[in-house]
Amino acid sequence: MSGDLPIRKIIHIDMDAFYASVEQMDNPDLKGKAIAVGGGGKRGVVSAASYEARKFGVKSAMAGNLASKLCPHLIFVRPRFERYSEISKQVKSIFYDYTDLVEPLSLDEAYLDVTENKKGNPSASLVAKEIRERILKEVGLTASAGISINKFIAKIASDYNKPNGQKTLNPEEVIEFLEKLDIRKFYGVGKVTAERMYQKGIFTGADLKSKSLEYLDKNFGKSGRYYYYIVRGVHNSEVKPNRIRKSLAAERTFSENLSSEVFMLEKLDHIAEEVSRRLKKSEVAGKTVTLKIKYSDFTLQTRSKTLPYFISDKSIILETAKGLLYQEKLNNSVRLLGISLSNLNTEVKKKPEQKSVSVQLKFEF
């Protein structure tokens, strides 16, 4: 195949246990201890866990009471998102010393395109090493990095030598690496999809690569095409300095289950106010209001309504959410409510998907 893909050098930087590491840095008494950022009560949820806590199986999105059972000496720390945002800005300022092509994914990770960088360094691996050293020296935290020909492979690579390490996948190594990779390691293949793939005899990248595009389309719908190309090392998404926000949301988990819509109205009022505040702060508006309902048995339901105009005002968001709440009878008592706005006025038409499946194999990394 001809090498007609755009040639890029992409770095994925991922801060190590970011929230927990910030807490340990700011409070020396927490260093070396098992800590969880989040709530430890029966309704609490772990937002992040230190590596000391992870050894006991504690991980993000885990219920606080379960985390406490796994690690009885676990220390819970309330999250301080303003502080995390402050540290994140310090880290990103280092990125911009090397390239303007920085695409933040969250407070603790980002893609950098260093194909042509401000330091004139032809080695993306050395650039990543220098960035990590500066983060440690200037911020006081460790970071891991993945380096390769596109965002998909760089993100996978950044997990390999965590914490405080990096892995480079040179162009000529990509295909063999992907063929040997457990399907669960593929970014974009979740737990449910992995189980479906296992049932169909797909355990590794090589197994996935053996399936035709038609087979993957038939069995995995819209995602089939994505799987077909990524296992061949093809992922043409550019590093986007200004990522387009697709939705904005807020939600609340209640200390006690709510069994009547009447008791939920006050909660919805606060949530709508928070969504409106975030919309106005981001200077965006949306047309589609979605009400998220999580029941006491942990089943999830969403109800949506698209308006003919863009909104950001609390009163309209609240009235629309109320209408969705009363739209149909609740299935059970409710433990969580959320409101999101999508179909925002920031969205633009996507570029058509490139169909090339070739990989450039000669490139200095």
Protein backbone atom coordinates (compact mmCIF):
# COMPACT_ATOMS: atom_id res chain seq x y z
CA MET A 1 0.00 0.00 0.00
CA SER A 2 1.20 3.51 -0.69
CA GLY A 3 2.23 5.66 2.25
CA ASP A 4 -0.26 8.47 1.75
CA LEU A 5 -1.31 9.09 5.35
CA PRO A 6 -0.31 12.39 6.93
CA ILE A 7 2.92 11.86 8.87
CA ARG A 8 2.62 13.06 12.46
CA LYS A 9 4.49 12.81 15.75
CA ILE A 10 1.89 12.73 18.52
CA ILE A 11 2.46 12.74 22.27
CA HIS A 12 -0.23 11.84 24.80
CA ILE A 13 0.61 13.21 28.26
CA ASP A 14 -1.28 11.74 31.20
CA MET A 15 -0.70 13.02 34.73
CA ASP A 16 -0.23 10.21 37.26
CA ALA A 17 -3.19 9.84 39.68
CA PHE A 18 -3.65 13.58 39.23
CA TYR A 19 -6.21 14.61 41.88
CA ALA A 20 -4.72 12.29 44.50
CA SER A 21 -1.17 13.37 43.64
CA VAL A 22 -2.10 17.05 44.05
CA GLU A 23 -3.52 16.29 47.50
CA GLN A 24 -0.37 14.41 48.49
CA MET A 25 1.81 17.23 47.20
CA ASP A 26 -0.13 19.89 49.11
CA ASN A 27 -0.33 17.84 52.30
CA PRO A 28 2.94 16.01 53.09
CA ASP A 29 1.13 13.97 55.77
CA LEU A 30 -0.69 12.16 52.94
CA LYS A 31 2.43 11.16 51.02
CA GLY A 32 2.88 7.42 50.71
CA LYS A 33 -0.61 6.77 52.06
CA ALA A 34 -3.69 5.24 50.48
CA ILE A 35 -6.00 8.13 49.72
CA ALA A 36 -9.17 8.58 47.70
CA VAL A 37 -10.48 11.89 46.46
CA GLY A 38 -14.25 11.86 46.88
CA GLY A 39 -16.86 10.78 49.40
CA GLY A 40 -16.60 7.84 51.74
CA GLY A 41 -20.21 7.60 52.88
CA LYS A 42 -22.79 5.17 51.61
CA ARG A 43 -23.53 7.53 48.71
CA GLY A 44 -19.96 8.71 48.20
CA VAL A 45 -18.04 7.99 45.00
CA VAL A 46 -14.29 7.85 44.44
CA SER A 47 -13.14 10.48 41.93
CA ALA A 48 -9.49 9.44 42.04
CA ALA A 49 -7.25 7.09 44.00
CA SER A 50 -3.55 7.24 44.85
CA TYR A 51 -1.34 4.40 43.65
CA GLU A 52 -1.09 3.21 47.24
CA ALA A 53 -4.89 2.80 47.26
CA ARG A 54 -4.99 1.22 43.80
CA LYS A 55 -2.93 -1.69 45.09
CA PHE A 56 -6.00 -2.68 47.10
CA GLY A 57 -8.32 -2.43 44.09
CA VAL A 58 -9.63 1.08 44.77
CA LYS A 59 -10.36 2.96 41.56
CA SER A 60 -12.26 5.94 40.22
CA ALA A 61 -16.08 5.75 39.96
CA MET A 62 -16.14 3.12 42.74
CA ALA A 63 -18.65 3.49 45.56
CA GLY A 64 -17.00 4.93 48.66
CA ASN A 65 -18.25 2.21 51.00
CA LEU A 66 -16.84 -0.51 48.73
CA ALA A 67 -13.50 1.32 48.57
CA SER A 68 -13.40 1.38 52.38
CA LYS A 69 -14.01 -2.37 52.54
CA LEU A 70 -11.21 -3.07 50.08
CA CYS A 71 -8.82 -0.73 51.89
CA PRO A 72 -9.80 -0.24 55.57
CA HIS A 73 -7.07 2.35 56.15
CA LEU A 74 -8.15 4.43 53.14
CA ILE A 75 -8.16 8.20 53.74
CA PHE A 76 -10.89 10.17 51.99
CA VAL A 77 -10.14 13.73 50.87
CA ARG A 78 -12.72 16.21 49.61
CA PRO A 79 -12.05 17.25 45.99
CA ARG A 80 -10.73 20.76 45.31
CA PHE A 81 -11.41 21.31 41.63
CA GLU A 82 -10.25 24.91 41.64
CA ARG A 83 -6.84 23.74 42.83
CA TYR A 84 -6.73 20.96 40.22
CA SER A 85 -7.62 23.50 37.53
CA GLU A 86 -4.85 25.81 38.75
CA ILE A 87 -2.25 23.02 38.56
CA SER A 88 -3.59 21.93 35.16
CA LYS A 89 -2.99 25.42 33.77
CA GLN A 90 0.62 25.30 34.99
CA VAL A 91 1.14 21.99 33.21
CA LYS A 92 -0.47 23.21 29.99
CA SER A 93 1.72 26.32 29.97
CA ILE A 94 4.69 23.94 29.68
CA PHE A 95 3.06 22.21 26.71
CA TYR A 96 2.75 25.53 24.87
CA ASP A 97 6.49 26.07 25.12
CA TYR A 98 6.82 23.20 22.65
CA THR A 99 3.78 23.44 20.38
CA ASP A 100 0.55 25.36 19.89
CA LEU A 101 -1.15 22.14 18.76
CA VAL A 102 -2.38 21.07 22.20
CA GLU A 103 -5.70 19.28 22.62
CA PRO A 104 -6.73 18.96 26.29
CA LEU A 105 -8.94 15.95 27.02
CA SER A 106 -9.45 16.83 30.67
CA LEU A 107 -7.58 18.53 33.49
CA ASP A 108 -5.00 15.75 33.59
CA GLU A 109 -4.35 14.68 30.01
CA ALA A 110 -3.74 16.14 26.57
CA TYR A 111 -2.52 15.39 23.07
CA LEU A 112 0.40 17.32 21.60
CA ASP A 113 1.38 17.38 17.94
CA VAL A 114 5.15 17.94 17.92
CA THR A 115 5.75 17.06 14.27
CA GLU A 116 7.05 20.60 13.92
CA ASN A 117 7.81 21.92 17.40
CA LYS A 118 9.09 25.21 18.76
CA LYS A 119 12.32 23.62 19.98
CA GLY A 120 13.17 22.25 16.55
CA ASN A 121 13.75 18.83 18.14
CA PRO A 122 13.24 16.02 15.58
CA SER A 123 12.77 13.41 18.34
CA ALA A 124 9.25 13.28 19.76
CA SER A 125 10.54 10.87 22.43
CA LEU A 126 13.08 13.40 23.67
CA VAL A 127 10.47 16.17 23.61
CA ALA A 128 8.16 14.02 25.78
CA LYS A 129 11.01 13.25 28.19
CA GLU A 130 11.88 16.94 28.51
CA ILE A 131 8.23 17.91 29.11
CA ARG A 132 7.89 15.28 31.85
CA GLU A 133 11.10 16.44 33.52
CA ARG A 134 9.87 20.04 33.50
CA ILE A 135 6.48 19.07 34.97
CA LEU A 136 8.26 17.30 37.82
CA LYS A 137 10.70 20.18 38.43
CA GLU A 138 8.34 23.14 37.99
CA VAL A 139 5.04 21.69 39.23
CA GLY A 140 6.15 18.87 41.51
CA LEU A 141 4.13 16.07 39.95
CA THR A 142 4.93 13.10 37.72
CA ALA A 143 3.43 12.43 34.31
CA SER A 144 3.51 9.55 31.85
CA ALA A 145 3.63 9.80 28.07
CA GLY A 146 2.88 7.80 24.95
CA ILE A 147 4.48 8.71 21.64
CA SER A 148 3.47 7.46 18.19
CA ILE A 149 2.05 8.25 14.76
CA ASN A 150 -1.50 9.13 15.81
CA LYS A 151 -3.66 9.97 18.83
CA PHE A 152 -5.15 6.50 19.22
CA ILE A 153 -1.81 4.69 19.49
CA ALA A 154 -0.19 7.43 21.60
CA LYS A 155 -3.01 7.15 24.15
CA ILE A 156 -2.61 3.38 24.41
CA ALA A 157 1.16 3.75 24.76
CA SER A 158 0.90 6.24 27.64
CA ASP A 159 -0.58 3.50 29.87
CA TYR A 160 2.32 1.11 29.42
CA ASN A 161 4.98 2.51 31.75
CA LYS A 162 2.85 4.25 34.35
CA PRO A 163 3.57 5.88 36.65
CA ASN A 164 6.31 8.33 35.70
CA GLY A 165 7.35 6.62 32.46
CA GLN A 166 6.89 6.77 28.72
CA LYS A 167 6.65 4.44 25.75
CA THR A 168 7.37 5.17 22.11
CA LEU A 169 5.82 3.13 19.33
CA ASN A 170 7.79 3.78 16.17
CA PRO A 171 5.95 3.51 12.84
CA GLU A 172 7.45 0.13 11.99
CA GLU A 173 6.37 -1.27 15.38
CA VAL A 174 2.72 -0.20 15.25
CA ILE A 175 1.11 -3.07 13.33
CA GLU A 176 2.83 -5.86 15.28
CA PHE A 177 2.03 -4.10 18.56
CA LEU A 178 -1.67 -3.76 17.69
CA GLU A 179 -1.94 -7.36 16.52
CA LYS A 180 -0.65 -8.65 19.89
CA LEU A 181 -2.72 -6.21 21.97
CA ASP A 182 -5.56 -7.53 24.13
CA ILE A 183 -8.80 -6.17 22.74
CA ARG A 184 -9.62 -4.70 26.16
CA LYS A 185 -6.65 -2.34 25.79
CA PHE A 186 -8.05 -0.75 22.63
CA TYR A 187 -9.18 2.79 23.36
CA GLY A 188 -12.88 2.92 22.46
CA VAL A 189 -13.59 -0.73 23.29
CA GLY A 190 -15.52 -0.72 26.55
CA LYS A 191 -16.31 -3.59 28.89
CA VAL A 192 -19.60 -4.52 27.19
CA THR A 193 -18.10 -4.40 23.68
CA ALA A 194 -15.10 -6.44 24.82
CA GLU A 195 -17.45 -9.15 26.11
CA ARG A 196 -19.30 -9.20 22.78
CA MET A 197 -16.00 -9.51 20.95
CA TYR A 198 -14.91 -12.36 23.21
CA GLN A 199 -18.14 -14.19 22.38
CA LYS A 200 -17.26 -13.89 18.71
CA GLY A 201 -13.72 -15.16 19.19
CA ILE A 202 -12.05 -11.76 19.05
CA PHE A 203 -9.45 -11.60 21.82
CA THR A 204 -6.52 -9.73 20.26
CA GLY A 205 -5.86 -7.15 17.61
CA ALA A 206 -4.92 -9.96 15.22
CA ASP A 207 -8.35 -11.53 15.75
CA LEU A 208 -10.01 -8.18 15.10
CA LYS A 209 -7.89 -7.57 12.00
CA SER A 210 -9.02 -10.90 10.53
CA LYS A 211 -12.61 -9.65 10.37
CA SER A 212 -13.86 -7.90 7.24
CA LEU A 213 -15.30 -4.41 7.23
CA GLU A 214 -18.68 -5.89 6.32
CA TYR A 215 -18.54 -8.27 9.29
CA LEU A 216 -17.66 -5.49 11.74
CA ASP A 217 -20.34 -3.18 10.33
CA LYS A 218 -22.93 -5.92 10.69
CA ASN A 219 -21.97 -6.90 14.24
CA PHE A 220 -20.89 -3.57 15.75
CA GLY A 221 -22.85 -0.97 13.81
CA LYS A 222 -21.31 2.47 13.39
CA SER A 223 -18.30 1.50 15.50
CA GLY A 224 -17.40 -1.32 13.11
CA ARG A 225 -15.62 0.98 10.67
CA TYR A 226 -13.68 2.59 13.51
CA TYR A 227 -12.46 -0.83 14.75
CA TYR A 228 -11.54 -1.88 11.20
CA TYR A 229 -9.21 1.07 10.69
CA ILE A 230 -7.64 1.47 14.15
CA VAL A 231 -6.40 -2.12 14.22
CA ARG A 232 -4.57 -1.25 10.99
CA GLY A 233 -2.96 1.76 12.63
CA VAL A 234 -5.20 4.23 10.84
CA HIS A 235 -6.63 7.09 12.88
CA ASN A 236 -6.63 10.35 10.96
CA SER A 237 -8.00 12.64 13.65
CA GLU A 238 -5.84 15.73 13.98
CA VAL A 239 -4.81 17.30 17.28
CA LYS A 240 -7.45 20.00 17.67
CA PRO A 241 -6.25 23.01 19.72
CA ASN A 242 -9.81 24.20 20.20
CA ARG A 243 -11.87 21.14 21.00
CA ILE A 244 -15.53 21.70 20.26
CA ARG A 245 -17.69 21.17 23.33
CA LYS A 246 -20.62 18.89 22.47
CA SER A 247 -22.55 19.06 25.73
CA LEU A 248 -22.58 20.60 29.18
CA ALA A 249 -24.13 18.99 32.24
CA ALA A 250 -24.55 18.92 36.01
CA GLU A 251 -25.92 16.22 38.27
CA ARG A 252 -26.53 15.44 41.93
CA THR A 253 -26.53 12.19 43.91
CA PHE A 254 -28.89 12.33 46.90
CA SER A 255 -28.13 11.20 50.45
CA GLU A 256 -31.53 9.49 50.51
CA ASN A 257 -33.57 8.10 47.65
CA LEU A 258 -36.41 10.31 46.42
CA SER A 259 -39.71 8.63 45.68
CA SER A 260 -41.89 11.50 44.45
CA GLU A 261 -41.50 14.02 41.63
CA VAL A 262 -42.55 16.75 44.05
CA PHE A 263 -39.44 16.17 46.18
CA MET A 264 -37.28 16.36 43.08
CA LEU A 265 -38.33 19.84 41.92
CA GLU A 266 -36.13 21.67 44.42
CA LYS A 267 -33.17 19.49 43.38
CA LEU A 268 -33.83 20.19 39.71
CA ASP A 269 -33.90 23.92 40.46
CA HIS A 270 -30.35 23.79 41.85
CA ILE A 271 -29.12 21.60 38.99
CA ALA A 272 -30.66 23.87 36.35
CA GLU A 273 -29.03 26.87 38.00
CA GLU A 274 -25.63 25.18 37.85
CA VAL A 275 -26.07 24.19 34.19
CA SER A 276 -27.07 27.75 33.32
CA ARG A 277 -24.06 29.13 35.18
CA ARG A 278 -21.69 26.82 33.30
CA LEU A 279 -23.29 27.64 29.95
CA LYS A 280 -22.92 31.36 30.50
CA LYS A 281 -19.37 31.01 31.77
CA SER A 282 -18.49 29.05 28.62
CA GLU A 283 -20.51 31.50 26.48
CA VAL A 284 -22.50 28.72 24.81
CA ALA A 285 -26.15 27.75 24.50
CA GLY A 286 -27.94 24.57 23.49
CA LYS A 287 -31.16 23.28 21.98
CA THR A 288 -31.47 19.77 23.42
CA VAL A 289 -32.26 19.31 27.11
CA THR A 290 -31.70 15.84 28.54
CA LEU A 291 -32.87 14.70 31.96
CA LYS A 292 -30.80 11.90 33.47
CA ILE A 293 -32.43 9.68 36.10
CA LYS A 294 -30.57 7.01 38.03
CA TYR A 295 -32.85 4.80 40.10
CA SER A 296 -32.15 3.15 43.44
CA ASP A 297 -31.47 -0.16 41.63
CA PHE A 298 -28.80 1.72 39.58
CA THR A 299 -30.70 1.47 36.31
CA LEU A 300 -30.33 4.59 34.19
CA GLN A 301 -32.92 6.44 32.13
CA THR A 302 -32.65 9.55 29.96
CA ARG A 303 -35.41 11.72 28.56
CA SER A 304 -34.71 14.45 25.98
CA LYS A 305 -36.42 17.33 24.26
CA THR A 306 -35.04 19.49 21.45
CA LEU A 307 -36.21 23.10 21.33
CA PRO A 308 -36.39 25.18 18.12
CA TYR A 309 -33.97 27.75 19.57
CA PHE A 310 -30.77 27.93 21.63
CA ILE A 311 -31.16 28.42 25.38
CA SER A 312 -28.92 29.09 28.38
CA ASP A 313 -31.44 30.68 30.75
CA LYS A 314 -32.12 28.78 33.97
CA SER A 315 -35.89 29.23 33.87
CA ILE A 316 -36.27 27.64 30.42
CA ILE A 317 -33.88 24.82 31.27
CA LEU A 318 -35.81 24.13 34.49
CA GLU A 319 -39.25 24.19 32.85
CA THR A 320 -38.08 21.84 30.11
CA ALA A 321 -36.54 19.49 32.68
CA LYS A 322 -39.76 19.54 34.71
CA GLY A 323 -41.73 18.58 31.62
CA LEU A 324 -39.39 15.66 31.04
CA LEU A 325 -39.70 14.59 34.69
CA TYR A 326 -43.49 14.46 34.44
CA GLN A 327 -43.37 12.95 30.95
CA GLU A 328 -43.87 9.44 32.30
CA LYS A 329 -44.13 7.65 35.62
CA LEU A 330 -40.93 6.92 37.53
CA ASN A 331 -39.82 3.29 37.56
CA ASN A 332 -38.49 3.35 41.12
CA SER A 333 -37.15 5.68 43.79
CA VAL A 334 -34.39 7.96 42.49
CA ARG A 335 -30.78 8.31 43.74
CA LEU A 336 -29.47 10.76 41.11
CA LEU A 337 -30.76 13.48 38.79
CA GLY A 338 -28.85 15.30 36.09
CA ILE A 339 -29.53 17.86 33.38
CA SER A 340 -27.45 18.29 30.25
CA LEU A 341 -27.59 20.66 27.28
CA SER A 342 -26.39 19.39 23.91
CA ASN A 343 -26.80 20.40 20.28
CA LEU A 344 -24.74 23.44 21.24
CA ASN A 345 -24.09 26.49 19.09
CA THR A 346 -20.39 25.57 19.02
CA GLU A 347 -20.81 22.50 16.83
CA VAL A 348 -19.55 22.51 13.25
CA LYS A 349 -19.68 20.01 10.44
CA LYS A 350 -17.11 17.28 10.73
CA LYS A 351 -14.62 16.60 8.00
CA PRO A 352 -15.42 13.52 5.90
CA GLU A 353 -13.62 10.41 7.14
CA GLN A 354 -10.50 9.57 5.19
CA LYS A 355 -10.56 6.05 3.79
CA SER A 356 -6.84 5.40 3.38
CA VAL A 357 -5.60 2.34 5.26
CA SER A 358 -1.86 2.66 4.68
CA VAL A 359 0.82 3.34 7.29
CA GLN A 360 4.01 5.32 6.75
CA LEU A 361 6.83 3.11 8.06
CA LYS A 362 9.92 5.32 7.81
CA PHE A 363 9.88 8.18 10.25
CA GLU A 364 12.36 9.31 12.91
CA PHE A 365 10.90 9.19 16.42
